[in-house]
Amino acid sequence: MSSPPPLAVREQLREQRFEKVWSQELNDAFADVAPYYDRANVFASFGLWNSLLQSFMSVIELHPGERTLDVCAGTNAVGIALLRREPSLEVHAIDRSAAMQVVGKQRAQALGFNIGSTIGDVHVLPFPDNHFDVVTLQWASRHLRVKDVFSEIHRVLKPGGRFFHCDMLRPANPTVERIYYAYLRVCLSLTSLMFRSNSAAKSLRTYFIDALEMFYSADELSEVLRGLGYCDVSSKTRMAGTIGFHRAVKPAA
């Protein structure tokens, strides 16, 4: 375990180190895990996966008829949870993985929900300025150029619109960090064995730890959001700072 780079240069160094994984390898891995992604997360979290989703949902404010976008939507867990809570929402999803969205679309349709699906690069969102009331992003920022994506989300939010973020974070406490990474090394190996992951997914087990080591703590991510022009930024953490929920608002015009 090493100290993360200074905040001012971290994004640049993250991209230099992980660009090949992000651009070439992750899509193959997620294509493999798509059919069992949700079950694997329940297994790896010792059954806490749905509880974490509910914790994330508890920080999301919704109003009837709002237009929402779920970025890196995966299997549409968040979009489905949003519609269960407020069926009048207009929910859109974007993800680079067609395989994950196939599963997500099937899940939504089985429940009678309609979620608009876009396959594309979330670093350049194909939506107009000032378009969404709410944008969500979960379990994906470690694999992204964070400032680029957060800036695009800021662009497509309406003035006064809300951004809600959830992800695994780099714990601020060094002792917790060491224990956390040791747990993840064991957990990732067991999960890949249990679900018979292919070589594309198995090859990224070391990457997942490396990505967290160079990621942000909850306070650092709040600082990033403020630096990009968001206001009313707040955060909550779970599990000794290993999981974080953020809320941020695009200032009203």
Protein backbone atom coordinates (compact mmCIF):
# COMPACT_ATOMS: atom_id res chain seq x y z
CA MET A 1 0.00 0.00 0.00
CA SER A 2 1.32 3.44 -0.91
CA SER A 3 0.13 6.99 -0.29
CA PRO A 4 -2.11 8.37 -3.07
CA PRO A 5 -0.75 11.15 -5.29
CA PRO A 6 -1.55 14.77 -4.39
CA LEU A 7 -5.08 15.81 -5.27
CA ALA A 8 -3.92 18.34 -7.87
CA VAL A 9 -2.32 15.69 -10.09
CA ARG A 10 -4.24 12.56 -9.15
CA GLU A 11 -6.59 12.52 -12.13
CA GLN A 12 -3.72 12.84 -14.57
CA LEU A 13 -1.77 10.02 -12.89
CA ARG A 14 -4.84 7.79 -12.63
CA GLU A 15 -5.43 8.11 -16.36
CA GLN A 16 -1.78 7.47 -17.21
CA ARG A 17 -1.72 4.32 -15.12
CA PHE A 18 -5.11 2.82 -15.96
CA GLU A 19 -5.99 4.11 -19.45
CA LYS A 20 -5.35 0.74 -21.11
CA VAL A 21 -7.54 -1.09 -18.62
CA TRP A 22 -10.30 1.49 -18.91
CA SER A 23 -10.30 1.64 -22.71
CA GLN A 24 -9.56 -1.98 -23.63
CA GLU A 25 -10.05 -4.47 -20.81
CA LEU A 26 -12.99 -3.48 -18.62
CA ASN A 27 -15.64 -3.97 -21.27
CA ASP A 28 -14.60 -7.60 -21.81
CA ALA A 29 -14.66 -8.20 -18.07
CA PHE A 30 -18.14 -6.74 -17.63
CA ALA A 31 -19.43 -8.70 -20.63
CA ASP A 32 -18.38 -11.83 -18.75
CA VAL A 33 -19.82 -10.87 -15.37
CA ALA A 34 -23.10 -9.35 -16.63
CA PRO A 35 -25.25 -12.50 -16.20
CA TYR A 36 -24.15 -12.98 -12.57
CA TYR A 37 -23.12 -9.43 -11.62
CA ASP A 38 -25.84 -8.87 -9.02
CA ARG A 39 -25.49 -12.32 -7.43
CA ALA A 40 -21.72 -11.91 -7.26
CA ASN A 41 -22.07 -8.59 -5.48
CA VAL A 42 -24.46 -10.09 -2.93
CA PHE A 43 -21.93 -12.89 -2.33
CA ALA A 44 -18.91 -10.57 -2.10
CA SER A 45 -20.68 -8.18 0.30
CA PHE A 46 -21.85 -10.97 2.64
CA GLY A 47 -25.45 -10.22 1.73
CA LEU A 48 -25.21 -6.47 2.34
CA TRP A 49 -25.57 -5.45 -1.32
CA ASN A 50 -29.29 -4.69 -1.16
CA SER A 51 -28.85 -2.86 2.14
CA LEU A 52 -26.23 -0.63 0.51
CA LEU A 53 -28.62 0.11 -2.34
CA GLN A 54 -31.30 1.10 0.15
CA SER A 55 -28.81 3.31 1.98
CA PHE A 56 -27.99 5.05 -1.29
CA MET A 57 -31.66 5.46 -2.12
CA SER A 58 -32.25 7.07 1.28
CA VAL A 59 -30.13 10.10 0.29
CA ILE A 60 -31.87 10.61 -3.08
CA GLU A 61 -34.59 13.25 -3.20
CA LEU A 62 -37.28 12.72 -5.83
CA HIS A 63 -40.36 14.58 -7.00
CA PRO A 64 -43.15 13.24 -9.23
CA GLY A 65 -42.56 13.47 -12.95
CA GLU A 66 -38.87 14.32 -12.79
CA ARG A 67 -36.47 13.32 -15.55
CA THR A 68 -33.58 11.23 -14.21
CA LEU A 69 -30.39 9.76 -15.65
CA ASP A 70 -28.51 6.80 -14.20
CA VAL A 71 -24.88 6.94 -15.38
CA CYS A 72 -22.98 3.63 -15.58
CA ALA A 73 -26.35 2.02 -14.99
CA GLY A 74 -25.14 -1.58 -15.32
CA THR A 75 -28.06 -3.92 -14.61
CA ASN A 76 -30.44 -1.03 -13.80
CA ALA A 77 -30.57 -1.67 -10.04
CA VAL A 78 -30.79 2.05 -9.28
CA GLY A 79 -33.24 2.84 -12.09
CA ILE A 80 -35.56 0.09 -10.91
CA ALA A 81 -35.30 1.27 -7.31
CA LEU A 82 -36.13 4.83 -8.41
CA LEU A 83 -39.24 3.69 -10.28
CA ARG A 84 -40.38 1.51 -7.40
CA ARG A 85 -40.27 4.59 -5.22
CA GLU A 86 -41.76 7.05 -7.74
CA PRO A 87 -43.40 5.37 -10.79
CA SER A 88 -44.08 8.73 -12.49
CA LEU A 89 -40.36 9.35 -13.13
CA GLU A 90 -38.88 9.46 -16.62
CA VAL A 91 -35.80 7.27 -16.16
CA HIS A 92 -32.88 7.03 -18.58
CA ALA A 93 -29.80 4.84 -18.33
CA ILE A 94 -26.39 5.02 -19.98
CA ASP A 95 -23.60 2.47 -19.83
CA ARG A 96 -20.71 1.49 -22.10
CA SER A 97 -21.46 -2.23 -21.63
CA ALA A 98 -24.20 -3.49 -23.93
CA ALA A 99 -24.10 -6.84 -22.10
CA MET A 100 -24.87 -5.22 -18.76
CA GLN A 101 -27.71 -3.19 -20.24
CA VAL A 102 -29.24 -6.28 -21.87
CA VAL A 103 -29.55 -7.77 -18.40
CA GLY A 104 -30.77 -4.45 -17.01
CA LYS A 105 -33.44 -4.07 -19.67
CA GLN A 106 -34.68 -7.60 -19.03
CA ARG A 107 -34.87 -6.92 -15.29
CA ALA A 108 -36.82 -3.70 -15.78
CA GLN A 109 -39.25 -5.17 -18.31
CA ALA A 110 -39.95 -8.15 -16.07
CA LEU A 111 -41.18 -5.68 -13.45
CA GLY A 112 -43.19 -3.63 -15.94
CA PHE A 113 -40.80 -0.65 -15.89
CA ASN A 114 -39.61 1.34 -18.88
CA ILE A 115 -36.03 2.62 -18.67
CA GLY A 116 -34.57 4.32 -21.73
CA SER A 117 -31.20 2.79 -22.56
CA THR A 118 -28.20 4.39 -24.24
CA ILE A 119 -24.93 2.56 -24.93
CA GLY A 120 -22.04 5.00 -25.01
CA ASP A 121 -19.07 6.70 -23.43
CA VAL A 122 -20.16 8.40 -20.20
CA HIS A 123 -17.26 10.87 -20.48
CA VAL A 124 -19.22 12.59 -23.29
CA LEU A 125 -22.91 12.33 -22.42
CA PRO A 126 -25.15 12.45 -25.53
CA PHE A 127 -27.79 14.66 -23.89
CA PRO A 128 -28.58 18.39 -24.08
CA ASP A 129 -27.49 20.97 -21.53
CA ASN A 130 -29.81 21.52 -18.54
CA HIS A 131 -31.85 18.41 -19.30
CA PHE A 132 -32.16 16.28 -16.14
CA ASP A 133 -33.57 16.96 -12.69
CA VAL A 134 -31.58 14.15 -11.08
CA VAL A 135 -28.46 12.21 -12.10
CA THR A 136 -27.15 9.15 -10.26
CA LEU A 137 -23.83 7.32 -10.56
CA GLN A 138 -22.91 4.24 -8.55
CA TRP A 139 -20.11 1.66 -8.26
CA ALA A 140 -18.16 2.96 -11.26
CA SER A 141 -16.16 6.13 -10.63
CA ARG A 142 -13.00 4.18 -9.81
CA HIS A 143 -12.98 3.15 -13.47
CA LEU A 144 -13.54 6.64 -14.90
CA ARG A 145 -11.88 9.98 -15.50
CA VAL A 146 -13.82 11.40 -12.58
CA LYS A 147 -13.50 15.10 -13.34
CA ASP A 148 -14.57 14.62 -16.97
CA VAL A 149 -17.66 12.61 -16.02
CA PHE A 150 -18.65 14.86 -13.13
CA SER A 151 -18.30 17.89 -15.43
CA GLU A 152 -20.57 16.27 -18.02
CA ILE A 153 -23.13 15.47 -15.34
CA HIS A 154 -22.98 19.11 -14.21
CA ARG A 155 -23.64 20.16 -17.83
CA VAL A 156 -26.73 17.98 -18.35
CA LEU A 157 -28.28 18.81 -14.97
CA LYS A 158 -30.85 21.56 -14.85
CA PRO A 159 -30.01 24.53 -12.62
CA GLY A 160 -30.91 23.34 -9.14
CA GLY A 161 -30.65 19.71 -10.28
CA ARG A 162 -29.20 17.10 -7.93
CA PHE A 163 -26.34 14.66 -8.43
CA PHE A 164 -26.15 11.56 -6.23
CA HIS A 165 -23.02 9.42 -6.18
CA CYS A 166 -22.16 6.10 -4.55
CA ASP A 167 -18.95 4.10 -4.76
CA MET A 168 -16.25 2.22 -2.94
CA LEU A 169 -13.71 4.77 -1.70
CA ARG A 170 -10.15 4.84 -0.44
CA PRO A 171 -10.48 4.80 3.36
CA ALA A 172 -8.96 7.85 5.05
CA ASN A 173 -7.69 5.70 7.94
CA PRO A 174 -4.47 3.83 6.93
CA THR A 175 -5.19 0.88 9.24
CA VAL A 176 -8.68 0.43 7.81
CA GLU A 177 -7.19 0.75 4.34
CA ARG A 178 -4.73 -2.13 4.90
CA ILE A 179 -7.44 -4.40 6.31
CA TYR A 180 -9.82 -3.45 3.51
CA TYR A 181 -7.39 -4.32 0.73
CA ALA A 182 -6.50 -7.64 2.37
CA TYR A 183 -10.21 -8.50 2.53
CA LEU A 184 -10.73 -7.51 -1.09
CA ARG A 185 -7.85 -9.67 -2.33
CA VAL A 186 -9.40 -12.74 -0.70
CA CYS A 187 -12.93 -11.76 -1.69
CA LEU A 188 -12.13 -11.17 -5.36
CA SER A 189 -10.37 -14.53 -5.63
CA LEU A 190 -13.25 -16.39 -3.97
CA THR A 191 -15.87 -14.62 -6.07
CA SER A 192 -14.10 -15.36 -9.35
CA LEU A 193 -13.79 -19.01 -8.31
CA MET A 194 -17.38 -19.27 -7.12
CA PHE A 195 -18.84 -17.81 -10.34
CA ARG A 196 -16.23 -19.27 -12.71
CA SER A 197 -15.15 -15.91 -14.09
CA ASN A 198 -13.29 -15.98 -17.39
CA SER A 199 -9.72 -14.83 -17.90
CA ALA A 200 -10.77 -11.25 -18.74
CA ALA A 201 -12.38 -10.79 -15.32
CA LYS A 202 -9.71 -12.70 -13.40
CA SER A 203 -6.91 -10.64 -14.92
CA LEU A 204 -8.31 -7.47 -13.33
CA ARG A 205 -8.25 -8.62 -9.70
CA THR A 206 -5.02 -6.71 -8.98
CA TYR A 207 -6.31 -3.69 -10.88
CA PHE A 208 -9.33 -3.35 -8.58
CA ILE A 209 -7.03 -2.88 -5.57
CA ASP A 210 -4.66 -0.58 -7.45
CA ALA A 211 -7.57 1.59 -8.59
CA LEU A 212 -8.76 2.05 -5.02
CA GLU A 213 -5.27 2.95 -3.80
CA MET A 214 -5.23 5.86 -6.26
CA PHE A 215 -8.87 6.85 -5.75
CA TYR A 216 -10.39 9.39 -3.38
CA SER A 217 -11.54 9.44 0.23
CA ALA A 218 -15.01 10.82 0.97
CA ASP A 219 -13.65 14.27 1.88
CA GLU A 220 -11.40 14.39 -1.20
CA LEU A 221 -14.29 13.53 -3.50
CA SER A 222 -16.33 16.32 -1.91
CA GLU A 223 -13.47 18.69 -2.69
CA VAL A 224 -13.43 17.52 -6.31
CA LEU A 225 -17.18 18.19 -6.62
CA ARG A 226 -16.88 21.69 -5.19
CA GLY A 227 -13.98 22.44 -7.50
CA LEU A 228 -16.16 21.58 -10.50
CA GLY A 229 -18.83 24.09 -9.53
CA TYR A 230 -21.27 22.02 -7.48
CA CYS A 231 -22.77 23.49 -4.34
CA ASP A 232 -24.43 22.06 -1.20
CA VAL A 233 -22.05 19.10 -1.34
CA SER A 234 -22.51 16.56 1.44
CA SER A 235 -21.37 13.00 2.08
CA LYS A 236 -22.12 9.98 4.24
CA THR A 237 -19.90 6.94 4.68
CA ARG A 238 -20.51 3.34 5.63
CA MET A 239 -18.21 0.54 6.73
CA ALA A 240 -15.43 2.68 8.20
CA GLY A 241 -15.21 4.93 5.15
CA THR A 242 -14.93 2.18 2.54
CA ILE A 243 -18.31 3.11 1.01
CA GLY A 244 -19.43 6.67 0.41
CA PHE A 245 -22.61 8.46 -0.70
CA HIS A 246 -22.40 12.02 -2.03
CA ARG A 247 -25.04 14.60 -2.84
CA ALA A 248 -24.25 17.71 -4.88
CA VAL A 249 -26.36 20.41 -6.52
CA LYS A 250 -25.89 22.42 -9.70
CA PRO A 251 -26.30 26.06 -8.66
CA ALA A 252 -29.53 27.71 -9.74
CA ALA A 253 -29.18 30.18 -12.60
